[in-house]
Amino acid sequence: MNKVLISPRSLTRDGHPSLDLLEEAGFEVTFATPGKQPSEEELLQLLPGCVGYLAGVEEVSARVLEAAKELKVISRNGSGIDNIDLEAAKRCGIEICRTEGANAKGVAELTIGSMFALARFLPFHDARMKEENWERRKGIELEGRTLGLIGCGQIGKETALRALGMGMQVAAFRRNPDRSFAPSDRFTWVQLEELLEAADVISLHRPANPDGTPVVTADMIAQMKRGVLLINTARASLIDEDAVLQALEDGRIAGVATDVYVKEPPEEFGLVKHDRVIATPHLGGFTVESVDRSTTEAVKNILHTL
C-alpha cells in the first residue's frame, strides 16, 4: 500500500520532474485520466489502495474519502481546499495540505492582464479585426483609478503591488486584515461598503462560502459604481451569475473577466458568451513557474506527512 494518486490536469497530461521524488522515496505513482478532471466514479476506482493524493480542483466527496481506507494525506497543488469535504477528511483521519502562495504571482499577473483587456476591450477589438470589421469601443486608462480587492491574502497582495506599480489606488477588504501590509500611501484597508462605492475595478481573491452562497449578489452590485469592471480568478460560486448578466445588460457592470467555473469545462455558457465577458480556462496558476512551485511543494507535503 504505497501508491500516490496524481489528478491535476496539467500533471496527468504533461508530468513533472518533482513527481520523481515520490518514486525515489519508494512510492508508486498512479495517474487519473490524462488532461481530464476526474469524476467521483473515477476517484472511487483509483483512490482505494492509495496512501497519498496530489489533488486538483475536482470535488472530493465524503463517499470518495470513506472508500479510500488507506489514504493518509491529500495535498493540493494550490491554496483552495473548498472542493474537499473537510469534515469527512477529519473523520477519516486524512491530513489536508495546500501550497498557499505558490501560484500567487501567476494569478496576480492574470488578474492584471484581464484588467487591461477589459479596460480596452481587447478581445472584442481583436475579434472584429479578424472579421475585417473596423469597429471601436472607447476604453479607459487605469492610472489613478481605484482597484478594489475583495480578499487580500497572498494573491491579493501580489495583485495590489502590481496595480500600485501602474499608478492605481488600491482599496482592500478582508475580514481579518493584515495591517503589516502597507506597501504605499495609495493602499488602504477599507470596509466592504466603502470599497464598493469607490472601486472602478473589483477583483475577487477570497475563498468560497462554505454553503456555496454567492458573495456578489444583486444587492452588492447595486452598491457598486456604475461602469465597474469585475474580475474573478478565485471561485465561480462567489458570483450570482444571473445578477451579473443583468448588470451587464443594464450597464451597471461594464465588463467581466472570469477564469473559474462551477464545472470545468463548463456546461453552461451564458456568461462566457456575453460580448462584454472575457473567459479564460482556469489559467491563473497555469504558468511554468507556478506549476513548478506548486507541484514541488505539494510533493514535499506528501513526503513530509507520509
C-alpha atoms as a PDB file:
ATOM      1  CA  MET A   1       0.000   0.000   0.000  1.00  0.00           C
ATOM      2  CA  ASN A   2       2.408   2.693  -1.210  1.00  0.00           C
ATOM      3  CA  LYS A   3       0.516   4.266  -4.115  1.00  0.00           C
ATOM      4  CA  VAL A   4       0.107   8.017  -4.631  1.00  0.00           C
ATOM      5  CA  LEU A   5      -2.592   9.303  -6.984  1.00  0.00           C
ATOM      6  CA  ILE A   6      -1.911  12.346  -9.182  1.00  0.00           C
ATOM      7  CA  SER A   7      -5.005  14.095 -10.568  1.00  0.00           C
ATOM      8  CA  PRO A   8      -4.325  17.768 -11.576  1.00  0.00           C
ATOM      9  CA  ARG A   9      -4.925  18.047 -15.314  1.00  0.00           C
ATOM     10  CA  SER A  10      -1.590  19.704 -16.108  1.00  0.00           C
ATOM     11  CA  LEU A  11       0.296  16.927 -14.303  1.00  0.00           C
ATOM     12  CA  THR A  12      -1.631  13.978 -15.710  1.00  0.00           C
ATOM     13  CA  ARG A  13      -1.096  15.342 -19.207  1.00  0.00           C
ATOM     14  CA  ASP A  14       2.487  16.643 -19.005  1.00  0.00           C
ATOM     15  CA  GLY A  15       4.011  15.096 -15.882  1.00  0.00           C
ATOM     16  CA  HIS A  16       6.588  16.982 -13.807  1.00  0.00           C
ATOM     17  CA  PRO A  17      10.148  16.263 -12.591  1.00  0.00           C
ATOM     18  CA  SER A  18       9.104  16.705  -8.948  1.00  0.00           C
ATOM     19  CA  LEU A  19       6.978  13.574  -9.189  1.00  0.00           C
ATOM     20  CA  ASP A  20      10.232  11.622  -9.461  1.00  0.00           C
ATOM     21  CA  LEU A  21      10.812  12.422  -5.774  1.00  0.00           C
ATOM     22  CA  LEU A  22       7.853  10.192  -4.909  1.00  0.00           C
ATOM     23  CA  GLU A  23       9.269   7.257  -6.863  1.00  0.00           C
ATOM     24  CA  GLU A  24      12.728   7.817  -5.370  1.00  0.00           C
ATOM     25  CA  ALA A  25      11.122   7.577  -1.923  1.00  0.00           C
ATOM     26  CA  GLY A  26       9.615   4.214  -2.840  1.00  0.00           C
ATOM     27  CA  PHE A  27       6.081   5.226  -3.771  1.00  0.00           C
ATOM     28  CA  GLU A  28       4.199   4.026  -6.836  1.00  0.00           C
ATOM     29  CA  VAL A  29       2.817   6.990  -8.777  1.00  0.00           C
ATOM     30  CA  THR A  30      -0.547   6.493 -10.481  1.00  0.00           C
ATOM     31  CA  PHE A  31      -2.399   8.996 -12.649  1.00  0.00           C
ATOM     32  CA  ALA A  32      -6.017   9.924 -13.321  1.00  0.00           C
ATOM     33  CA  THR A  33      -7.148  10.206 -16.963  1.00  0.00           C
ATOM     34  CA  PRO A  34      -4.614  12.488 -18.709  1.00  0.00           C
ATOM     35  CA  GLY A  35      -5.747  16.098 -19.103  1.00  0.00           C
ATOM     36  CA  LYS A  36      -9.212  15.448 -17.683  1.00  0.00           C
ATOM     37  CA  GLN A  37     -10.709  16.370 -14.328  1.00  0.00           C
ATOM     38  CA  PRO A  38     -11.609  13.079 -12.617  1.00  0.00           C
ATOM     39  CA  SER A  39     -15.209  12.317 -11.760  1.00  0.00           C
ATOM     40  CA  GLU A  40     -16.377  10.871  -8.461  1.00  0.00           C
ATOM     41  CA  GLU A  41     -16.651   7.458 -10.106  1.00  0.00           C
ATOM     42  CA  GLU A  42     -13.062   7.590 -11.362  1.00  0.00           C
ATOM     43  CA  LEU A  43     -11.814   8.594  -7.920  1.00  0.00           C
ATOM     44  CA  LEU A  44     -13.758   5.697  -6.403  1.00  0.00           C
ATOM     45  CA  GLN A  45     -11.836   3.392  -8.709  1.00  0.00           C
ATOM     46  CA  LEU A  46      -8.387   4.969  -8.278  1.00  0.00           C
ATOM     47  CA  LEU A  47      -8.100   6.160  -4.663  1.00  0.00           C
ATOM     48  CA  PRO A  48      -8.703   2.941  -2.697  1.00  0.00           C
ATOM     49  CA  GLY A  49      -5.261   1.494  -2.014  1.00  0.00           C
ATOM     50  CA  CYS A  50      -3.542   4.910  -2.186  1.00  0.00           C
ATOM     51  CA  VAL A  51      -1.788   6.408   0.834  1.00  0.00           C
ATOM     52  CA  GLY A  52      -1.272   9.825  -0.801  1.00  0.00           C
ATOM     53  CA  TYR A  53      -3.256  12.000  -3.198  1.00  0.00           C
ATOM     54  CA  LEU A  54      -1.960  15.037  -5.058  1.00  0.00           C
ATOM     55  CA  ALA A  55      -5.297  16.661  -5.899  1.00  0.00           C
ATOM     56  CA  GLY A  56      -6.525  19.287  -8.324  1.00  0.00           C
ATOM     57  CA  VAL A  57      -9.788  21.235  -8.210  1.00  0.00           C
ATOM     58  CA  GLU A  58     -12.074  18.210  -8.629  1.00  0.00           C
ATOM     59  CA  GLU A  59     -14.706  17.597  -5.979  1.00  0.00           C
ATOM     60  CA  VAL A  60     -13.567  15.125  -3.344  1.00  0.00           C
ATOM     61  CA  SER A  61     -16.712  13.866  -1.643  1.00  0.00           C
ATOM     62  CA  ALA A  62     -17.295  12.077   1.634  1.00  0.00           C
ATOM     63  CA  ARG A  63     -18.163   8.980  -0.383  1.00  0.00           C
ATOM     64  CA  VAL A  64     -14.740   9.035  -2.033  1.00  0.00           C
ATOM     65  CA  LEU A  65     -12.878   9.651   1.224  1.00  0.00           C
ATOM     66  CA  GLU A  66     -14.707   6.899   3.087  1.00  0.00           C
ATOM     67  CA  ALA A  67     -13.828   4.442   0.321  1.00  0.00           C
ATOM     68  CA  ALA A  68     -10.115   5.335   0.470  1.00  0.00           C
ATOM     69  CA  LYS A  69      -9.354   3.360   3.641  1.00  0.00           C
ATOM     70  CA  GLU A  70      -5.553   3.654   3.395  1.00  0.00           C
ATOM     71  CA  LEU A  71      -5.416   7.347   2.449  1.00  0.00           C
ATOM     72  CA  LYS A  72      -3.294   9.418   4.830  1.00  0.00           C
ATOM     73  CA  VAL A  73      -2.838  12.756   3.066  1.00  0.00           C
ATOM     74  CA  ILE A  74      -4.392  14.929   0.369  1.00  0.00           C
ATOM     75  CA  SER A  75      -2.012  17.583  -0.940  1.00  0.00           C
ATOM     76  CA  ARG A  76      -3.479  20.333  -3.130  1.00  0.00           C
ATOM     77  CA  ASN A  77      -1.293  21.976  -5.771  1.00  0.00           C
ATOM     78  CA  GLY A  78      -2.938  25.289  -4.884  1.00  0.00           C
ATOM     79  CA  SER A  79      -4.408  27.156  -1.949  1.00  0.00           C
ATOM     80  CA  GLY A  80      -8.116  26.342  -2.295  1.00  0.00           C
ATOM     81  CA  ILE A  81      -9.489  23.337  -0.421  1.00  0.00           C
ATOM     82  CA  ASP A  82     -13.223  24.078  -0.635  1.00  0.00           C
ATOM     83  CA  ASN A  83     -13.549  21.239  -3.187  1.00  0.00           C
ATOM     84  CA  ILE A  84     -12.735  18.721  -0.443  1.00  0.00           C
ATOM     85  CA  ASP A  85     -15.258  17.522   2.151  1.00  0.00           C
ATOM     86  CA  LEU A  86     -13.161  18.645   5.113  1.00  0.00           C
ATOM     87  CA  GLU A  87     -15.456  17.194   7.768  1.00  0.00           C
ATOM     88  CA  ALA A  88     -15.253  13.776   6.143  1.00  0.00           C
ATOM     89  CA  ALA A  89     -11.476  14.083   5.825  1.00  0.00           C
ATOM     90  CA  LYS A  90     -11.170  14.881   9.519  1.00  0.00           C
ATOM     91  CA  ARG A  91     -13.452  11.990  10.400  1.00  0.00           C
ATOM     92  CA  CYS A  92     -11.322   9.643   8.295  1.00  0.00           C
ATOM     93  CA  GLY A  93      -8.059  10.921   9.780  1.00  0.00           C
ATOM     94  CA  ILE A  94      -6.794  12.312   6.466  1.00  0.00           C
ATOM     95  CA  GLU A  95      -4.417  15.264   6.639  1.00  0.00           C
ATOM     96  CA  ILE A  96      -5.075  18.113   4.192  1.00  0.00           C
ATOM     97  CA  CYS A  97      -2.128  20.141   2.856  1.00  0.00           C
ATOM     98  CA  ARG A  98      -2.073  23.049   0.438  1.00  0.00           C
ATOM     99  CA  THR A  99       0.547  25.140  -1.325  1.00  0.00           C
ATOM    100  CA  GLU A 100      -0.633  28.567  -0.272  1.00  0.00           C
ATOM    101  CA  GLY A 101       1.056  31.332  -2.234  1.00  0.00           C
ATOM    102  CA  ALA A 102       2.788  29.053  -4.744  1.00  0.00           C
ATOM    103  CA  ASN A 103       0.637  30.271  -7.623  1.00  0.00           C
ATOM    104  CA  ALA A 104       0.087  33.800  -6.289  1.00  0.00           C
ATOM    105  CA  LYS A 105       2.278  35.557  -8.853  1.00  0.00           C
ATOM    106  CA  GLY A 106       0.671  33.721 -11.763  1.00  0.00           C
ATOM    107  CA  VAL A 107      -2.867  34.516 -10.630  1.00  0.00           C
ATOM    108  CA  ALA A 108      -1.959  38.133  -9.884  1.00  0.00           C
ATOM    109  CA  GLU A 109      -0.467  38.608 -13.337  1.00  0.00           C
ATOM    110  CA  LEU A 110      -3.555  37.091 -14.982  1.00  0.00           C
ATOM    111  CA  THR A 111      -5.692  39.483 -12.931  1.00  0.00           C
ATOM    112  CA  ILE A 112      -3.697  42.475 -14.156  1.00  0.00           C
ATOM    113  CA  GLY A 113      -3.779  41.170 -17.737  1.00  0.00           C
ATOM    114  CA  SER A 114      -7.550  40.732 -17.517  1.00  0.00           C
ATOM    115  CA  MET A 115      -7.878  44.268 -16.178  1.00  0.00           C
ATOM    116  CA  PHE A 116      -6.019  45.697 -19.182  1.00  0.00           C
ATOM    117  CA  ALA A 117      -8.067  43.563 -21.564  1.00  0.00           C
ATOM    118  CA  LEU A 118     -11.347  44.733 -20.026  1.00  0.00           C
ATOM    119  CA  ALA A 119     -10.316  48.377 -19.904  1.00  0.00           C
ATOM    120  CA  ARG A 120      -9.534  48.418 -23.635  1.00  0.00           C
ATOM    121  CA  PHE A 121     -11.951  45.715 -24.874  1.00  0.00           C
ATOM    122  CA  LEU A 122      -9.018  43.814 -26.387  1.00  0.00           C
ATOM    123  CA  PRO A 123     -10.799  40.521 -27.228  1.00  0.00           C
ATOM    124  CA  PHE A 124     -13.705  42.437 -28.796  1.00  0.00           C
ATOM    125  CA  HIS A 125     -11.422  44.512 -30.998  1.00  0.00           C
ATOM    126  CA  ASP A 126      -9.276  41.536 -31.959  1.00  0.00           C
ATOM    127  CA  ALA A 127     -12.380  39.540 -32.984  1.00  0.00           C
ATOM    128  CA  ARG A 128     -13.736  42.443 -35.080  1.00  0.00           C
ATOM    129  CA  MET A 129     -10.410  42.941 -36.858  1.00  0.00           C
ATOM    130  CA  LYS A 130     -10.261  39.244 -37.703  1.00  0.00           C
ATOM    131  CA  GLU A 131     -13.728  39.678 -39.242  1.00  0.00           C
ATOM    132  CA  GLU A 132     -12.284  42.605 -41.277  1.00  0.00           C
ATOM    133  CA  ASN A 133     -14.632  44.892 -39.353  1.00  0.00           C
ATOM    134  CA  TRP A 134     -13.279  48.302 -38.230  1.00  0.00           C
ATOM    135  CA  GLU A 135     -15.364  48.819 -35.069  1.00  0.00           C
ATOM    136  CA  ARG A 136     -14.142  50.568 -31.929  1.00  0.00           C
ATOM    137  CA  ARG A 137     -15.195  50.874 -28.297  1.00  0.00           C
ATOM    138  CA  LYS A 138     -13.736  53.668 -26.202  1.00  0.00           C
ATOM    139  CA  GLY A 139     -11.715  52.354 -23.282  1.00  0.00           C
ATOM    140  CA  ILE A 140     -10.399  53.825 -20.041  1.00  0.00           C
ATOM    141  CA  GLU A 141      -6.926  54.436 -18.636  1.00  0.00           C
ATOM    142  CA  LEU A 142      -6.149  52.670 -15.360  1.00  0.00           C
ATOM    143  CA  GLU A 143      -3.640  55.085 -13.838  1.00  0.00           C
ATOM    144  CA  GLY A 144      -5.331  56.954 -10.997  1.00  0.00           C
ATOM    145  CA  ARG A 145      -8.305  54.588 -10.938  1.00  0.00           C
ATOM    146  CA  THR A 146      -9.191  52.508  -7.862  1.00  0.00           C
ATOM    147  CA  LEU A 147      -8.798  48.748  -7.721  1.00  0.00           C
ATOM    148  CA  GLY A 148     -10.940  47.108  -5.046  1.00  0.00           C
ATOM    149  CA  LEU A 149      -9.736  43.755  -3.732  1.00  0.00           C
ATOM    150  CA  ILE A 150     -12.331  41.561  -2.036  1.00  0.00           C
ATOM    151  CA  GLY A 151      -9.984  39.231  -0.232  1.00  0.00           C
ATOM    152  CA  CYS A 152      -6.331  40.133   0.184  1.00  0.00           C
ATOM    153  CA  GLY A 153      -4.179  37.156   1.082  1.00  0.00           C
ATOM    154  CA  GLN A 154      -1.072  36.212  -0.889  1.00  0.00           C
ATOM    155  CA  ILE A 155      -2.727  36.589  -4.308  1.00  0.00           C
ATOM    156  CA  GLY A 156      -4.445  39.829  -3.374  1.00  0.00           C
ATOM    157  CA  LYS A 157      -1.192  41.278  -2.081  1.00  0.00           C
ATOM    158  CA  GLU A 158       0.681  40.366  -5.268  1.00  0.00           C
ATOM    159  CA  THR A 159      -2.124  41.937  -7.302  1.00  0.00           C
ATOM    160  CA  ALA A 160      -2.023  45.070  -5.155  1.00  0.00           C
ATOM    161  CA  LEU A 161       1.726  45.507  -5.683  1.00  0.00           C
ATOM    162  CA  ARG A 162       1.339  45.297  -9.455  1.00  0.00           C
ATOM    163  CA  ALA A 163      -1.597  47.714  -9.509  1.00  0.00           C
ATOM    164  CA  LEU A 164       0.313  50.201  -7.351  1.00  0.00           C
ATOM    165  CA  GLY A 165       3.199  49.976  -9.803  1.00  0.00           C
ATOM    166  CA  MET A 166       0.763  51.089 -12.514  1.00  0.00           C
ATOM    167  CA  GLY A 167      -0.211  54.184 -10.548  1.00  0.00           C
ATOM    168  CA  MET A 168      -3.565  52.883  -9.315  1.00  0.00           C
ATOM    169  CA  GLN A 169      -5.189  53.399  -5.934  1.00  0.00           C
ATOM    170  CA  VAL A 170      -5.869  50.097  -4.146  1.00  0.00           C
ATOM    171  CA  ALA A 171      -8.602  49.518  -1.564  1.00  0.00           C
ATOM    172  CA  ALA A 172      -8.680  46.079   0.072  1.00  0.00           C
ATOM    173  CA  PHE A 173     -11.306  44.368   2.206  1.00  0.00           C
ATOM    174  CA  ARG A 174     -10.591  41.328   4.348  1.00  0.00           C
ATOM    175  CA  ARG A 175     -12.374  40.175   7.494  1.00  0.00           C
ATOM    176  CA  ASN A 176      -9.040  39.941   9.316  1.00  0.00           C
ATOM    177  CA  PRO A 177      -6.794  42.459   7.538  1.00  0.00           C
ATOM    178  CA  ASP A 178      -3.031  42.099   7.716  1.00  0.00           C
ATOM    179  CA  ARG A 179      -2.183  45.611   8.911  1.00  0.00           C
ATOM    180  CA  SER A 180       1.518  44.902   8.465  1.00  0.00           C
ATOM    181  CA  PHE A 181       0.913  45.002   4.704  1.00  0.00           C
ATOM    182  CA  ALA A 182       1.050  48.718   3.893  1.00  0.00           C
ATOM    183  CA  PRO A 183       3.069  48.970   0.675  1.00  0.00           C
ATOM    184  CA  SER A 184       2.087  52.525  -0.290  1.00  0.00           C
ATOM    185  CA  ASP A 185       0.108  55.557   0.784  1.00  0.00           C
ATOM    186  CA  ARG A 186      -2.138  54.670  -2.173  1.00  0.00           C
ATOM    187  CA  PHE A 187      -3.088  51.360  -0.486  1.00  0.00           C
ATOM    188  CA  THR A 188      -5.797  51.297   2.183  1.00  0.00           C
ATOM    189  CA  TRP A 189      -7.664  48.654   4.158  1.00  0.00           C
ATOM    190  CA  VAL A 190     -11.383  49.513   3.982  1.00  0.00           C
ATOM    191  CA  GLN A 191     -14.810  48.201   4.871  1.00  0.00           C
ATOM    192  CA  LEU A 192     -16.692  46.426   2.093  1.00  0.00           C
ATOM    193  CA  GLU A 193     -19.262  49.198   1.644  1.00  0.00           C
ATOM    194  CA  GLU A 194     -16.503  51.776   1.145  1.00  0.00           C
ATOM    195  CA  LEU A 195     -14.778  49.550  -1.405  1.00  0.00           C
ATOM    196  CA  LEU A 196     -17.964  49.053  -3.431  1.00  0.00           C
ATOM    197  CA  GLU A 197     -18.587  52.776  -3.637  1.00  0.00           C
ATOM    198  CA  ALA A 198     -15.028  53.693  -4.626  1.00  0.00           C
ATOM    199  CA  ALA A 199     -13.747  50.930  -6.902  1.00  0.00           C
ATOM    200  CA  ASP A 200     -13.519  51.294 -10.677  1.00  0.00           C
ATOM    201  CA  VAL A 201     -12.313  47.678 -10.876  1.00  0.00           C
ATOM    202  CA  ILE A 202     -13.254  44.931  -8.399  1.00  0.00           C
ATOM    203  CA  SER A 203     -11.240  41.713  -8.206  1.00  0.00           C
ATOM    204  CA  LEU A 204     -12.190  38.681  -6.121  1.00  0.00           C
ATOM    205  CA  HIS A 205      -9.464  36.919  -4.131  1.00  0.00           C
ATOM    206  CA  ARG A 206     -11.222  35.107  -1.323  1.00  0.00           C
ATOM    207  CA  PRO A 207     -12.413  31.538  -0.647  1.00  0.00           C
ATOM    208  CA  ALA A 208     -15.907  30.388  -1.472  1.00  0.00           C
ATOM    209  CA  ASN A 209     -18.547  30.480   1.241  1.00  0.00           C
ATOM    210  CA  PRO A 210     -18.823  27.057   2.923  1.00  0.00           C
ATOM    211  CA  ASP A 211     -22.508  26.817   1.972  1.00  0.00           C
ATOM    212  CA  GLY A 212     -21.834  27.861  -1.630  1.00  0.00           C
ATOM    213  CA  THR A 213     -23.855  31.073  -1.440  1.00  0.00           C
ATOM    214  CA  PRO A 214     -22.601  33.906  -3.685  1.00  0.00           C
ATOM    215  CA  VAL A 215     -20.805  36.993  -2.437  1.00  0.00           C
ATOM    216  CA  VAL A 216     -21.501  39.171  -5.493  1.00  0.00           C
ATOM    217  CA  THR A 217     -25.291  39.410  -5.408  1.00  0.00           C
ATOM    218  CA  ALA A 218     -27.786  41.828  -6.942  1.00  0.00           C
ATOM    219  CA  ASP A 219     -27.767  43.808  -3.682  1.00  0.00           C
ATOM    220  CA  MET A 220     -23.981  44.125  -3.739  1.00  0.00           C
ATOM    221  CA  ILE A 221     -23.952  45.078  -7.417  1.00  0.00           C
ATOM    222  CA  ALA A 222     -26.434  47.877  -6.670  1.00  0.00           C
ATOM    223  CA  GLN A 223     -23.822  49.414  -4.333  1.00  0.00           C
ATOM    224  CA  MET A 224     -21.076  49.379  -6.982  1.00  0.00           C
ATOM    225  CA  LYS A 225     -20.024  52.344  -9.073  1.00  0.00           C
ATOM    226  CA  ARG A 226     -21.806  52.356 -12.434  1.00  0.00           C
ATOM    227  CA  GLY A 227     -19.496  51.041 -15.178  1.00  0.00           C
ATOM    228  CA  VAL A 228     -17.356  48.960 -12.807  1.00  0.00           C
ATOM    229  CA  LEU A 229     -15.161  46.153 -14.146  1.00  0.00           C
ATOM    230  CA  LEU A 230     -15.395  42.808 -12.317  1.00  0.00           C
ATOM    231  CA  ILE A 231     -12.678  40.114 -12.271  1.00  0.00           C
ATOM    232  CA  ASN A 232     -12.993  36.639 -10.757  1.00  0.00           C
ATOM    233  CA  THR A 233      -9.918  34.410 -10.612  1.00  0.00           C
ATOM    234  CA  ALA A 234     -10.961  32.817  -7.300  1.00  0.00           C
ATOM    235  CA  ARG A 235     -14.083  30.623  -7.242  1.00  0.00           C
ATOM    236  CA  ALA A 236     -17.116  30.555  -9.568  1.00  0.00           C
ATOM    237  CA  SER A 237     -19.578  30.294  -6.686  1.00  0.00           C
ATOM    238  CA  LEU A 238     -18.573  33.768  -5.470  1.00  0.00           C
ATOM    239  CA  ILE A 239     -20.829  35.423  -8.052  1.00  0.00           C
ATOM    240  CA  ASP A 240     -24.563  35.204  -8.740  1.00  0.00           C
ATOM    241  CA  GLU A 241     -24.302  34.679 -12.497  1.00  0.00           C
ATOM    242  CA  ASP A 242     -27.870  35.797 -13.248  1.00  0.00           C
ATOM    243  CA  ALA A 243     -27.374  39.032 -11.299  1.00  0.00           C
ATOM    244  CA  VAL A 244     -24.080  39.712 -13.085  1.00  0.00           C
ATOM    245  CA  LEU A 245     -25.638  39.092 -16.507  1.00  0.00           C
ATOM    246  CA  GLN A 246     -28.448  41.505 -15.692  1.00  0.00           C
ATOM    247  CA  ALA A 247     -25.913  44.117 -14.552  1.00  0.00           C
ATOM    248  CA  LEU A 248     -24.002  43.700 -17.819  1.00  0.00           C
ATOM    249  CA  GLU A 249     -27.210  44.288 -19.755  1.00  0.00           C
ATOM    250  CA  ASP A 250     -28.177  47.450 -17.866  1.00  0.00           C
ATOM    251  CA  GLY A 251     -24.627  48.861 -17.808  1.00  0.00           C
ATOM    252  CA  ARG A 252     -24.046  48.754 -14.065  1.00  0.00           C
ATOM    253  CA  ILE A 253     -21.125  46.411 -14.829  1.00  0.00           C
ATOM    254  CA  ALA A 254     -19.149  47.404 -17.941  1.00  0.00           C
ATOM    255  CA  GLY A 255     -17.193  44.165 -18.277  1.00  0.00           C
ATOM    256  CA  VAL A 256     -16.376  40.886 -16.559  1.00  0.00           C
ATOM    257  CA  ALA A 257     -13.345  38.617 -16.691  1.00  0.00           C
ATOM    258  CA  THR A 258     -13.693  35.105 -15.292  1.00  0.00           C
ATOM    259  CA  ASP A 259     -11.152  32.294 -15.025  1.00  0.00           C
ATOM    260  CA  VAL A 260     -13.256  29.913 -12.906  1.00  0.00           C
ATOM    261  CA  TYR A 261     -16.417  27.875 -13.410  1.00  0.00           C
ATOM    262  CA  VAL A 262     -18.770  25.731 -11.350  1.00  0.00           C
ATOM    263  CA  LYS A 263     -17.866  22.768 -13.569  1.00  0.00           C
ATOM    264  CA  GLU A 264     -14.673  22.644 -15.576  1.00  0.00           C
ATOM    265  CA  PRO A 265     -15.035  22.531 -18.517  1.00  0.00           C
ATOM    266  CA  PRO A 266     -18.289  24.482 -18.032  1.00  0.00           C
ATOM    267  CA  GLU A 267     -21.633  23.071 -19.086  1.00  0.00           C
ATOM    268  CA  GLU A 268     -23.447  26.423 -19.106  1.00  0.00           C
ATOM    269  CA  PHE A 269     -22.026  29.174 -21.317  1.00  0.00           C
ATOM    270  CA  GLY A 270     -24.449  32.053 -20.713  1.00  0.00           C
ATOM    271  CA  LEU A 271     -21.907  34.313 -19.036  1.00  0.00           C
ATOM    272  CA  VAL A 272     -18.983  33.101 -21.142  1.00  0.00           C
ATOM    273  CA  LYS A 273     -20.631  34.033 -24.444  1.00  0.00           C
ATOM    274  CA  HIS A 274     -21.570  37.589 -23.486  1.00  0.00           C
ATOM    275  CA  ASP A 275     -19.577  40.035 -25.630  1.00  0.00           C
ATOM    276  CA  ARG A 276     -18.505  42.048 -22.578  1.00  0.00           C
ATOM    277  CA  VAL A 277     -17.100  38.989 -20.822  1.00  0.00           C
ATOM    278  CA  ILE A 278     -13.539  37.694 -21.125  1.00  0.00           C
ATOM    279  CA  ALA A 279     -13.426  33.985 -20.297  1.00  0.00           C
ATOM    280  CA  THR A 280     -10.231  32.006 -19.764  1.00  0.00           C
ATOM    281  CA  PRO A 281      -9.963  28.247 -18.976  1.00  0.00           C
ATOM    282  CA  HIS A 282      -8.623  28.389 -15.384  1.00  0.00           C
ATOM    283  CA  LEU A 283      -5.244  29.811 -16.364  1.00  0.00           C
ATOM    284  CA  GLY A 284      -4.411  31.604 -13.108  1.00  0.00           C
ATOM    285  CA  GLY A 285      -1.768  29.228 -11.822  1.00  0.00           C
ATOM    286  CA  PHE A 286      -1.060  27.690 -15.213  1.00  0.00           C
ATOM    287  CA  THR A 287       2.394  29.131 -15.802  1.00  0.00           C
ATOM    288  CA  VAL A 288       5.734  27.351 -15.959  1.00  0.00           C
ATOM    289  CA  GLU A 289       6.834  28.986 -12.713  1.00  0.00           C
ATOM    290  CA  SER A 290       3.579  28.489 -10.768  1.00  0.00           C
ATOM    291  CA  VAL A 291       3.291  24.836 -11.790  1.00  0.00           C
ATOM    292  CA  ASP A 292       6.915  24.260 -10.749  1.00  0.00           C
ATOM    293  CA  ARG A 293       6.451  25.884  -7.340  1.00  0.00           C
ATOM    294  CA  SER A 294       3.070  24.337  -6.533  1.00  0.00           C
ATOM    295  CA  THR A 295       3.971  20.828  -7.718  1.00  0.00           C
ATOM    296  CA  THR A 296       7.262  20.771  -5.827  1.00  0.00           C
ATOM    297  CA  GLU A 297       5.613  21.999  -2.629  1.00  0.00           C
ATOM    298  CA  ALA A 298       2.685  19.590  -2.999  1.00  0.00           C
ATOM    299  CA  VAL A 299       5.045  16.632  -3.401  1.00  0.00           C
ATOM    300  CA  LYS A 300       7.125  17.732  -0.409  1.00  0.00           C
ATOM    301  CA  ASN A 301       3.941  17.994   1.671  1.00  0.00           C
ATOM    302  CA  ILE A 302       3.068  14.388   0.807  1.00  0.00           C
ATOM    303  CA  LEU A 303       6.555  13.125   1.619  1.00  0.00           C
ATOM    304  CA  HIS A 304       6.657  15.069   4.891  1.00  0.00           C
ATOM    305  CA  THR A 305       3.306  13.676   6.022  1.00  0.00           C
ATOM    306  CA  LEU A 306       3.960  10.082   4.996  1.00  0.00           C
END
